[in-house]
Amino acid sequence: MDIKAKIIDEAGLNRTITRLAHEILERNKGSENIVVVGVRTRGEFVAKRVLEKIKEIDGKEPPFGVLDSTLYRDDFRKRLKQPEISVTDITFDLNDKNIILVDDVLYTGRTVRAAMDALMDLGRPSTIQFCVLIDRGHRELPIRADFIGKNIPTSINEEVRVKMQEEDGEDAVYLVDISNDEE
């Protein structure tokens, strides 16, 4: 892995999350009918931080859940020899709620499509709004985010790596060259 650029540092990540929280509150006219759901793994951490900012700004804490969409992916058998399955932890009613679905990177659109399928199996929300820290392009499905932290155009030989303190020991977003990585 060859790091090409550090796109977002710790302070930049905090500013981006603050902006995303404000945009979510503005579009939904507050936090009254929203629930926040993070896509495992790093989407969960981004979602928790967005939730904390919403609470700080609006004074209310919407319900929070975590979603594992692995088994809903259309490519999980092809891509992963041994898929890692985690637990979905959504203990509240999704019916008639505005779900803020949060992930770290939007790429092909397959993860968010799978996440939406999983959410629909759990209830009938009023809306599903997609919040993503980084949109790197290269969609394979007609998916777009409602809230985007940063657009980062990439080539097929590049990846966006989000590092979160909770999982990686640092807060940062890197653009890396994967053209020399072994498959």
Protein backbone atom coordinates (compact mmCIF):
# COMPACT_ATOMS: atom_id res chain seq x y z
CA MET A 1 0.00 0.00 0.00
CA ASP A 2 1.42 3.34 -1.11
CA ILE A 3 -0.08 6.41 0.60
CA LYS A 4 -0.56 9.13 -2.03
CA ALA A 5 -2.16 11.79 0.17
CA LYS A 6 -3.65 12.47 3.56
CA ILE A 7 -6.98 13.96 2.53
CA ILE A 8 -8.50 14.68 5.93
CA ASP A 9 -6.75 15.03 9.28
CA GLU A 10 -8.31 14.83 12.77
CA ALA A 11 -9.44 18.48 12.83
CA GLY A 12 -10.85 18.20 9.30
CA LEU A 13 -12.76 15.06 10.22
CA ASN A 14 -14.33 16.83 13.19
CA ARG A 15 -15.35 19.81 11.02
CA THR A 16 -16.83 17.50 8.39
CA ILE A 17 -18.88 15.58 10.95
CA THR A 18 -20.14 18.85 12.46
CA ARG A 19 -21.25 20.05 9.02
CA LEU A 20 -22.98 16.74 8.26
CA ALA A 21 -24.90 16.92 11.56
CA HIS A 22 -26.06 20.47 10.76
CA GLU A 23 -27.19 19.43 7.26
CA ILE A 24 -29.13 16.46 8.65
CA LEU A 25 -30.87 18.63 11.24
CA GLU A 26 -31.68 21.31 8.68
CA ARG A 27 -33.21 18.89 6.16
CA ASN A 28 -35.23 17.10 8.85
CA LYS A 29 -36.23 20.26 10.74
CA GLY A 30 -34.61 18.95 13.91
CA SER A 31 -34.08 15.46 15.31
CA GLU A 32 -37.66 14.69 16.34
CA ASN A 33 -38.42 11.84 13.93
CA ILE A 34 -34.95 10.63 12.95
CA VAL A 35 -33.00 7.52 13.87
CA VAL A 36 -29.31 7.07 13.08
CA VAL A 37 -28.03 3.73 11.77
CA GLY A 38 -24.34 3.08 11.08
CA VAL A 39 -23.10 0.43 8.65
CA ARG A 40 -20.50 -1.81 10.27
CA THR A 41 -17.57 -1.18 10.83
CA ARG A 42 -16.31 2.34 10.24
CA GLY A 43 -19.76 3.62 9.28
CA GLU A 44 -20.75 2.75 12.84
CA PHE A 45 -18.07 5.05 14.25
CA VAL A 46 -18.88 7.88 11.83
CA ALA A 47 -22.57 7.49 12.76
CA LYS A 48 -21.83 7.65 16.50
CA ARG A 49 -19.93 10.89 16.01
CA VAL A 50 -22.68 12.39 13.86
CA LEU A 51 -25.18 11.37 16.55
CA GLU A 52 -23.10 13.07 19.27
CA LYS A 53 -22.98 16.29 17.21
CA ILE A 54 -26.75 16.13 16.63
CA LYS A 55 -27.25 15.74 20.38
CA GLU A 56 -24.87 18.64 21.07
CA ILE A 57 -26.60 20.92 18.54
CA ASP A 58 -30.27 19.94 19.03
CA GLY A 59 -30.27 18.86 22.67
CA LYS A 60 -31.97 15.54 21.87
CA GLU A 61 -30.49 12.12 21.24
CA PRO A 62 -32.14 10.16 18.43
CA PRO A 63 -32.16 6.34 18.63
CA PHE A 64 -28.95 4.74 17.36
CA GLY A 65 -28.42 1.36 15.76
CA VAL A 66 -25.79 -0.63 13.90
CA LEU A 67 -26.41 -2.63 10.75
CA ASP A 68 -24.44 -5.51 9.22
CA SER A 69 -25.52 -5.89 5.60
CA THR A 70 -23.06 -8.64 4.62
CA LEU A 71 -25.67 -11.31 3.92
CA TYR A 72 -27.70 -8.87 1.81
CA ARG A 73 -24.85 -8.14 -0.60
CA ASP A 74 -25.28 -9.51 -4.10
CA ASP A 75 -21.54 -10.18 -4.37
CA PHE A 76 -20.64 -11.55 -0.94
CA ARG A 77 -20.24 -15.16 -2.10
CA LYS A 78 -18.11 -14.09 -5.06
CA ARG A 79 -15.99 -11.50 -3.24
CA LEU A 80 -15.43 -13.11 0.11
CA LYS A 81 -14.24 -16.65 0.61
CA GLN A 82 -15.24 -16.54 4.28
CA PRO A 83 -17.54 -13.57 4.90
CA GLU A 84 -17.23 -11.91 8.30
CA ILE A 85 -20.71 -11.62 9.74
CA SER A 86 -21.38 -9.24 12.58
CA VAL A 87 -24.47 -8.50 14.57
CA THR A 88 -27.14 -6.01 13.59
CA ASP A 89 -28.15 -4.05 16.66
CA ILE A 90 -31.37 -2.12 16.03
CA THR A 91 -33.67 -2.32 19.04
CA PHE A 92 -36.20 0.37 18.12
CA ASP A 93 -39.10 0.69 15.72
CA LEU A 94 -38.18 1.89 12.21
CA ASN A 95 -41.76 2.32 11.02
CA ASP A 96 -42.56 5.87 9.89
CA LYS A 97 -39.09 7.11 10.95
CA ASN A 98 -36.57 9.07 8.92
CA ILE A 99 -33.56 6.79 8.92
CA ILE A 100 -30.17 8.43 8.58
CA LEU A 101 -28.05 5.59 7.20
CA VAL A 102 -24.34 6.35 7.68
CA ASP A 103 -21.27 4.78 6.07
CA ASP A 104 -17.66 5.83 5.67
CA VAL A 105 -17.06 5.49 1.90
CA LEU A 106 -19.47 5.34 -1.04
CA TYR A 107 -17.96 3.49 -3.99
CA THR A 108 -19.98 1.10 -6.17
CA GLY A 109 -23.23 1.49 -4.24
CA ARG A 110 -23.54 -2.22 -3.43
CA THR A 111 -23.10 -1.84 0.34
CA VAL A 112 -25.77 0.84 0.66
CA ARG A 113 -28.18 -1.11 -1.57
CA ALA A 114 -27.70 -4.14 0.68
CA ALA A 115 -28.15 -1.96 3.78
CA MET A 116 -31.42 -0.57 2.43
CA ASP A 117 -32.68 -4.10 1.75
CA ALA A 118 -31.79 -5.09 5.32
CA LEU A 119 -33.55 -2.02 6.74
CA MET A 120 -36.70 -2.72 4.75
CA ASP A 121 -36.80 -6.21 6.28
CA LEU A 122 -36.87 -4.54 9.72
CA GLY A 123 -39.67 -2.07 9.10
CA ARG A 124 -41.31 0.50 6.86
CA PRO A 125 -39.48 3.82 7.33
CA SER A 126 -40.85 7.12 6.13
CA THR A 127 -37.50 7.87 4.43
CA ILE A 128 -33.98 6.48 4.24
CA GLN A 129 -31.44 9.28 3.90
CA PHE A 130 -27.87 8.29 3.15
CA CYS A 131 -24.97 10.08 4.82
CA VAL A 132 -21.42 9.26 3.75
CA LEU A 133 -18.10 10.64 4.89
CA ILE A 134 -16.41 10.16 1.49
CA ASP A 135 -17.89 9.72 -2.00
CA ARG A 136 -15.19 8.39 -4.31
CA GLY A 137 -17.28 7.79 -7.43
CA HIS A 138 -17.30 4.68 -9.68
CA ARG A 139 -20.94 3.75 -9.08
CA GLU A 140 -22.21 0.41 -10.40
CA LEU A 141 -25.75 1.08 -9.17
CA PRO A 142 -27.91 4.22 -9.36
CA ILE A 143 -27.18 5.29 -5.78
CA ARG A 144 -26.36 8.75 -4.47
CA ALA A 145 -25.81 10.14 -1.00
CA ASP A 146 -28.06 12.79 0.53
CA PHE A 147 -25.26 14.10 2.76
CA ILE A 148 -21.61 13.95 1.63
CA GLY A 149 -18.63 14.89 3.77
CA LYS A 150 -16.21 15.13 0.86
CA ASN A 151 -16.12 14.11 -2.80
CA ILE A 152 -12.80 12.54 -3.74
CA PRO A 153 -12.44 11.53 -7.38
CA THR A 154 -10.34 8.37 -7.60
CA SER A 155 -8.96 6.02 -10.22
CA ILE A 156 -9.62 2.29 -10.17
CA ASN A 157 -6.05 1.80 -8.85
CA GLU A 158 -6.72 3.98 -5.83
CA GLU A 159 -8.62 3.44 -2.61
CA VAL A 160 -9.85 5.73 0.10
CA ARG A 161 -8.90 4.46 3.55
CA VAL A 162 -10.78 5.93 6.49
CA LYS A 163 -9.00 5.60 9.82
CA MET A 164 -11.06 6.00 12.97
CA GLN A 165 -9.64 6.33 16.46
CA GLU A 166 -11.96 3.61 17.76
CA GLU A 167 -10.70 1.00 15.28
CA ASP A 168 -7.34 2.26 14.00
CA GLY A 169 -5.89 4.51 16.68
CA GLU A 170 -6.07 7.68 14.54
CA ASP A 171 -8.58 9.92 12.79
CA ALA A 172 -7.64 10.47 9.16
CA VAL A 173 -8.60 9.78 5.56
CA TYR A 174 -5.94 8.63 3.12
CA LEU A 175 -5.81 8.17 -0.64
CA VAL A 176 -3.72 5.08 -1.35
CA ASP A 177 -2.35 3.51 -4.52
CA ILE A 178 -3.30 -0.18 -4.68
CA SER A 179 -1.92 -0.91 -8.15
CA ASN A 180 1.01 -2.85 -6.63
CA ASP A 181 -1.05 -4.70 -3.97
CA GLU A 182 -1.27 -8.44 -4.39
CA GLU A 183 -4.77 -9.81 -4.89
